[in-house]
Amino acid sequence: MNDKKSGVMLIALGSAIVFIGIVLYLMEIIGATGMILLGIAVELAGAYIFWKNRKR
């Protein structure tokens, strides 16, 4: 997991998780906040991997 493609995929996955989390939050389902935070964490990991490999 150290190429640009996986960084972009993690960013996309994180965005999808955040979006689903927001939908669940609006539906007032317990645990949506955790899902939003998990999505943000995945996005940040993807952005870090993408940024690290972009310089090469």
Protein backbone atom coordinates (compact mmCIF):
# COMPACT_ATOMS: atom_id res chain seq x y z
CA MET A 1 0.00 0.00 0.00
CA ASN A 2 2.62 2.53 -0.98
CA ASP A 3 1.64 3.78 -4.40
CA LYS A 4 -0.41 6.78 -5.46
CA LYS A 5 -3.41 4.67 -6.44
CA SER A 6 -3.96 3.31 -2.93
CA GLY A 7 -3.78 6.82 -1.49
CA VAL A 8 -6.50 7.99 -3.87
CA MET A 9 -8.57 4.89 -3.11
CA LEU A 10 -8.33 5.53 0.64
CA ILE A 11 -9.39 9.15 0.15
CA ALA A 12 -12.40 7.98 -1.88
CA LEU A 13 -13.23 5.30 0.70
CA GLY A 14 -13.00 7.84 3.51
CA SER A 15 -15.28 10.23 1.66
CA ALA A 16 -17.83 7.45 1.16
CA ILE A 17 -17.68 6.52 4.86
CA VAL A 18 -18.11 10.16 5.90
CA PHE A 19 -21.08 10.53 3.53
CA ILE A 20 -22.74 7.38 4.86
CA GLY A 21 -22.02 8.53 8.41
CA ILE A 22 -23.68 11.90 7.76
CA VAL A 23 -26.74 10.14 6.32
CA LEU A 24 -26.93 7.87 9.37
CA TYR A 25 -26.44 10.86 11.67
CA LEU A 26 -29.32 12.69 10.00
CA MET A 27 -31.41 9.54 10.50
CA GLU A 28 -30.41 9.67 14.20
CA ILE A 29 -28.86 6.22 14.30
CA ILE A 30 -26.47 5.71 17.20
CA GLY A 31 -22.86 5.29 16.13
CA ALA A 32 -22.96 7.64 13.16
CA THR A 33 -20.49 10.02 14.84
CA GLY A 34 -17.98 7.20 15.16
CA MET A 35 -18.45 6.34 11.50
CA ILE A 36 -17.82 9.98 10.50
CA LEU A 37 -14.63 10.04 12.59
CA LEU A 38 -13.52 6.70 11.10
CA GLY A 39 -14.09 8.06 7.60
CA ILE A 40 -12.06 11.17 8.37
CA ALA A 41 -9.24 9.00 9.74
CA VAL A 42 -9.25 6.85 6.58
CA GLU A 43 -9.23 9.98 4.41
CA LEU A 44 -6.27 11.42 6.32
CA ALA A 45 -4.37 8.13 5.96
CA GLY A 46 -5.08 8.14 2.22
CA ALA A 47 -4.03 11.76 1.88
CA TYR A 48 -0.80 11.03 3.76
CA ILE A 49 0.04 8.07 1.51
CA PHE A 50 -0.86 10.07 -1.61
CA TRP A 51 1.20 13.09 -0.52
CA LYS A 52 4.19 10.95 0.48
CA ASN A 53 4.28 9.19 -2.90
CA ARG A 54 3.51 12.29 -4.97
CA LYS A 55 6.97 13.73 -4.29
CA ARG A 56 8.75 10.75 -5.90
